[in-house]
Amino acid sequence: MQRELITFQVSGQLFGIDIMAVREIRAWSPVTVLPRVPEHVAGVVNLRGAVLPVIDLSVRLGWSATEATPRNPIIVVEHEQQSRGLIVHGVNDIVSIDAGSLQQPDVASQDSITGFLEGLAPLGDTMIMVLDLAQLMADEELDLAA
């Protein structure tokens, strides 16, 4: 079975999210910073009258914060009727992968990113890290921001 992913860059690494979870890709707009939210929550933006929490994906994955500029798109994703914006460093392309080719990362690894991955998908001579939205969006404190 084929799966379609939208691919994007974060901190020089290639990631993918199932295209069915992507609602839109927006141009950067300044966020309103909220007090007492997790470090990876950059703030909120107005999305056609609704408050949209925006996650700095680089921080969520354990890397340094994104110095957001107008060149940083926000990918709006939806999972279990919850929408979130993800700040990324660049959007690449839509690709098709064979669902059976998805490989599990080494769970013995101490790298904090593996908990957010559904798996790794080969694409030519590179690998796409396919994000698990359920794990990425699992954050009780983030619900307070919405």
C-alpha atoms as a PDB file:
ATOM      1  CA  MET A   1       0.000   0.000   0.000  1.00  0.00           C
ATOM      2  CA  GLN A   2       1.302   3.448  -0.928  1.00  0.00           C
ATOM      3  CA  ARG A   3       1.328   6.367   1.506  1.00  0.00           C
ATOM      4  CA  GLU A   4       1.704   9.987   0.510  1.00  0.00           C
ATOM      5  CA  LEU A   5       3.825  12.217   2.708  1.00  0.00           C
ATOM      6  CA  ILE A   6       4.582  15.892   2.642  1.00  0.00           C
ATOM      7  CA  THR A   7       8.289  16.315   3.257  1.00  0.00           C
ATOM      8  CA  PHE A   8      10.007  19.218   4.960  1.00  0.00           C
ATOM      9  CA  GLN A   9      13.269  20.255   6.578  1.00  0.00           C
ATOM     10  CA  VAL A  10      13.978  20.882  10.257  1.00  0.00           C
ATOM     11  CA  SER A  11      17.549  21.587  11.353  1.00  0.00           C
ATOM     12  CA  GLY A  12      18.903  20.170   8.095  1.00  0.00           C
ATOM     13  CA  GLN A  13      17.047  16.860   8.471  1.00  0.00           C
ATOM     14  CA  LEU A  14      14.314  15.482   6.193  1.00  0.00           C
ATOM     15  CA  PHE A  15      10.949  14.705   7.785  1.00  0.00           C
ATOM     16  CA  GLY A  16       7.570  13.602   6.515  1.00  0.00           C
ATOM     17  CA  ILE A  17       3.971  13.727   7.706  1.00  0.00           C
ATOM     18  CA  ASP A  18       1.039  11.837   6.229  1.00  0.00           C
ATOM     19  CA  ILE A  19      -0.553  14.230   3.748  1.00  0.00           C
ATOM     20  CA  MET A  20      -4.041  13.396   5.022  1.00  0.00           C
ATOM     21  CA  ALA A  21      -3.172  15.090   8.351  1.00  0.00           C
ATOM     22  CA  VAL A  22      -2.041  18.324   6.686  1.00  0.00           C
ATOM     23  CA  ARG A  23      -4.767  20.965   6.497  1.00  0.00           C
ATOM     24  CA  GLU A  24      -2.708  23.775   4.977  1.00  0.00           C
ATOM     25  CA  ILE A  25       0.714  25.323   4.679  1.00  0.00           C
ATOM     26  CA  ARG A  26       0.801  28.945   5.759  1.00  0.00           C
ATOM     27  CA  ALA A  27       3.312  31.686   5.364  1.00  0.00           C
ATOM     28  CA  TRP A  28       5.000  32.744   8.579  1.00  0.00           C
ATOM     29  CA  SER A  29       3.053  35.126  10.786  1.00  0.00           C
ATOM     30  CA  PRO A  30       4.209  36.394  14.184  1.00  0.00           C
ATOM     31  CA  VAL A  31       2.951  34.391  17.151  1.00  0.00           C
ATOM     32  CA  THR A  32       1.512  35.654  20.411  1.00  0.00           C
ATOM     33  CA  VAL A  33       3.640  34.207  23.188  1.00  0.00           C
ATOM     34  CA  LEU A  34       1.734  32.682  26.113  1.00  0.00           C
ATOM     35  CA  PRO A  35       2.987  32.332  29.688  1.00  0.00           C
ATOM     36  CA  ARG A  36       3.439  28.926  31.336  1.00  0.00           C
ATOM     37  CA  VAL A  37       3.330  26.766  28.238  1.00  0.00           C
ATOM     38  CA  PRO A  38       5.924  24.125  27.365  1.00  0.00           C
ATOM     39  CA  GLU A  39       9.167  25.398  25.865  1.00  0.00           C
ATOM     40  CA  HIS A  40       8.338  23.934  22.440  1.00  0.00           C
ATOM     41  CA  VAL A  41       5.152  26.017  22.145  1.00  0.00           C
ATOM     42  CA  ALA A  42       6.203  29.144  20.271  1.00  0.00           C
ATOM     43  CA  GLY A  43       2.803  30.756  20.879  1.00  0.00           C
ATOM     44  CA  VAL A  44      -0.544  31.052  19.137  1.00  0.00           C
ATOM     45  CA  VAL A  45      -1.792  32.609  15.905  1.00  0.00           C
ATOM     46  CA  ASN A  46      -5.218  33.567  14.637  1.00  0.00           C
ATOM     47  CA  LEU A  47      -6.374  31.061  12.023  1.00  0.00           C
ATOM     48  CA  ARG A  48      -9.570  32.488  10.538  1.00  0.00           C
ATOM     49  CA  GLY A  49     -10.932  33.395  13.973  1.00  0.00           C
ATOM     50  CA  ALA A  50      -9.655  30.297  15.798  1.00  0.00           C
ATOM     51  CA  VAL A  51      -6.701  30.176  18.169  1.00  0.00           C
ATOM     52  CA  LEU A  52      -4.028  27.875  16.728  1.00  0.00           C
ATOM     53  CA  PRO A  53      -1.183  26.721  19.009  1.00  0.00           C
ATOM     54  CA  VAL A  54       2.115  26.802  17.134  1.00  0.00           C
ATOM     55  CA  ILE A  55       4.871  24.309  17.964  1.00  0.00           C
ATOM     56  CA  ASP A  56       8.529  24.974  17.224  1.00  0.00           C
ATOM     57  CA  LEU A  57       9.212  21.526  15.784  1.00  0.00           C
ATOM     58  CA  SER A  58      12.958  21.927  16.233  1.00  0.00           C
ATOM     59  CA  VAL A  59      12.563  22.425  20.003  1.00  0.00           C
ATOM     60  CA  ARG A  60       9.956  19.638  20.255  1.00  0.00           C
ATOM     61  CA  LEU A  61      12.484  17.253  18.703  1.00  0.00           C
ATOM     62  CA  GLY A  62      15.179  18.291  21.185  1.00  0.00           C
ATOM     63  CA  TRP A  63      17.172  20.708  19.041  1.00  0.00           C
ATOM     64  CA  SER A  64      17.762  24.452  19.293  1.00  0.00           C
ATOM     65  CA  ALA A  65      14.947  26.979  18.851  1.00  0.00           C
ATOM     66  CA  THR A  66      14.081  28.235  15.377  1.00  0.00           C
ATOM     67  CA  GLU A  67      14.936  31.867  14.699  1.00  0.00           C
ATOM     68  CA  ALA A  68      11.698  32.327  12.773  1.00  0.00           C
ATOM     69  CA  THR A  69      11.667  34.597   9.740  1.00  0.00           C
ATOM     70  CA  PRO A  70       9.158  35.128   6.907  1.00  0.00           C
ATOM     71  CA  ARG A  71      10.933  32.208   5.173  1.00  0.00           C
ATOM     72  CA  ASN A  72       9.703  29.725   7.822  1.00  0.00           C
ATOM     73  CA  PRO A  73       6.399  28.147   6.790  1.00  0.00           C
ATOM     74  CA  ILE A  74       3.883  26.840   9.290  1.00  0.00           C
ATOM     75  CA  ILE A  75       2.362  23.452   8.477  1.00  0.00           C
ATOM     76  CA  VAL A  76      -1.133  23.197   9.981  1.00  0.00           C
ATOM     77  CA  VAL A  77      -1.888  19.600  10.923  1.00  0.00           C
ATOM     78  CA  GLU A  78      -4.934  17.975  12.456  1.00  0.00           C
ATOM     79  CA  HIS A  79      -5.004  14.874  14.627  1.00  0.00           C
ATOM     80  CA  GLU A  80      -8.107  13.684  16.496  1.00  0.00           C
ATOM     81  CA  GLN A  81      -9.867  17.003  15.834  1.00  0.00           C
ATOM     82  CA  GLN A  82      -6.995  19.030  17.300  1.00  0.00           C
ATOM     83  CA  SER A  83      -5.165  21.441  15.041  1.00  0.00           C
ATOM     84  CA  ARG A  84      -1.598  22.584  15.608  1.00  0.00           C
ATOM     85  CA  GLY A  85       0.821  24.654  13.603  1.00  0.00           C
ATOM     86  CA  LEU A  86       4.347  23.309  13.143  1.00  0.00           C
ATOM     87  CA  ILE A  87       7.173  25.759  12.456  1.00  0.00           C
ATOM     88  CA  VAL A  88       9.525  24.132   9.949  1.00  0.00           C
ATOM     89  CA  HIS A  89      12.595  25.377   8.102  1.00  0.00           C
ATOM     90  CA  GLY A  90      11.296  24.612   4.620  1.00  0.00           C
ATOM     91  CA  VAL A  91       8.704  22.507   2.802  1.00  0.00           C
ATOM     92  CA  ASN A  92      10.068  20.165   0.129  1.00  0.00           C
ATOM     93  CA  ASP A  93       7.669  17.972  -1.802  1.00  0.00           C
ATOM     94  CA  ILE A  94       4.914  15.376  -1.747  1.00  0.00           C
ATOM     95  CA  VAL A  95       6.285  11.856  -2.067  1.00  0.00           C
ATOM     96  CA  SER A  96       4.804   8.366  -2.214  1.00  0.00           C
ATOM     97  CA  ILE A  97       6.332   5.596  -0.164  1.00  0.00           C
ATOM     98  CA  ASP A  98       5.511   1.928   0.220  1.00  0.00           C
ATOM     99  CA  ALA A  99       3.974   1.560   3.707  1.00  0.00           C
ATOM    100  CA  GLY A 100       5.793  -1.760   4.043  1.00  0.00           C
ATOM    101  CA  SER A 101       9.149  -0.036   3.596  1.00  0.00           C
ATOM    102  CA  LEU A 102       8.754   1.918   6.846  1.00  0.00           C
ATOM    103  CA  GLN A 103      11.517   0.796   9.207  1.00  0.00           C
ATOM    104  CA  GLN A 104      11.478   1.185  12.972  1.00  0.00           C
ATOM    105  CA  PRO A 105      14.298   3.187  14.533  1.00  0.00           C
ATOM    106  CA  ASP A 106      16.534   1.571  17.125  1.00  0.00           C
ATOM    107  CA  VAL A 107      14.406   1.841  20.283  1.00  0.00           C
ATOM    108  CA  ALA A 108      17.479   1.295  22.447  1.00  0.00           C
ATOM    109  CA  SER A 109      18.782   4.629  21.248  1.00  0.00           C
ATOM    110  CA  GLN A 110      18.809   7.405  23.835  1.00  0.00           C
ATOM    111  CA  ASP A 111      17.967   9.994  21.190  1.00  0.00           C
ATOM    112  CA  SER A 112      14.782  11.761  22.290  1.00  0.00           C
ATOM    113  CA  ILE A 113      13.582  12.047  18.688  1.00  0.00           C
ATOM    114  CA  THR A 114      12.840   8.315  18.298  1.00  0.00           C
ATOM    115  CA  GLY A 115       9.733   8.633  20.492  1.00  0.00           C
ATOM    116  CA  PHE A 116       8.230  10.992  17.927  1.00  0.00           C
ATOM    117  CA  LEU A 117       8.893   8.793  14.900  1.00  0.00           C
ATOM    118  CA  GLU A 118       6.514   6.387  13.243  1.00  0.00           C
ATOM    119  CA  GLY A 119       9.506   5.068  11.348  1.00  0.00           C
ATOM    120  CA  LEU A 120      12.134   5.739   8.712  1.00  0.00           C
ATOM    121  CA  ALA A 121      11.312   5.548   5.013  1.00  0.00           C
ATOM    122  CA  PRO A 122      13.945   5.162   2.310  1.00  0.00           C
ATOM    123  CA  LEU A 123      13.665   7.622  -0.550  1.00  0.00           C
ATOM    124  CA  GLY A 124      16.377   7.159  -3.129  1.00  0.00           C
ATOM    125  CA  ASP A 125      19.656   7.466  -1.269  1.00  0.00           C
ATOM    126  CA  THR A 126      18.140   9.394   1.675  1.00  0.00           C
ATOM    127  CA  MET A 127      15.877   8.537   4.581  1.00  0.00           C
ATOM    128  CA  ILE A 128      12.714  10.374   5.582  1.00  0.00           C
ATOM    129  CA  MET A 129      11.913  10.493   9.283  1.00  0.00           C
ATOM    130  CA  VAL A 130       8.140   9.970   9.362  1.00  0.00           C
ATOM    131  CA  LEU A 131       6.616  11.757  12.345  1.00  0.00           C
ATOM    132  CA  ASP A 132       4.007  10.139  14.586  1.00  0.00           C
ATOM    133  CA  LEU A 133       1.462  12.911  15.124  1.00  0.00           C
ATOM    134  CA  ALA A 134      -0.161  11.162  18.085  1.00  0.00           C
ATOM    135  CA  GLN A 135       3.151  11.279  19.974  1.00  0.00           C
ATOM    136  CA  LEU A 136       4.075  14.720  18.710  1.00  0.00           C
ATOM    137  CA  MET A 137       0.791  16.252  19.811  1.00  0.00           C
ATOM    138  CA  ALA A 138       0.494  14.366  23.112  1.00  0.00           C
ATOM    139  CA  ASP A 139       0.886  17.149  25.643  1.00  0.00           C
ATOM    140  CA  GLU A 140      -1.713  17.897  28.299  1.00  0.00           C
ATOM    141  CA  GLU A 141      -0.351  21.405  28.911  1.00  0.00           C
ATOM    142  CA  LEU A 142      -0.691  22.244  25.214  1.00  0.00           C
ATOM    143  CA  ASP A 143      -4.445  21.682  25.403  1.00  0.00           C
ATOM    144  CA  LEU A 144      -4.610  24.630  27.773  1.00  0.00           C
ATOM    145  CA  ALA A 145      -3.208  26.890  25.055  1.00  0.00           C
ATOM    146  CA  ALA A 146      -5.947  25.968  22.594  1.00  0.00           C
END
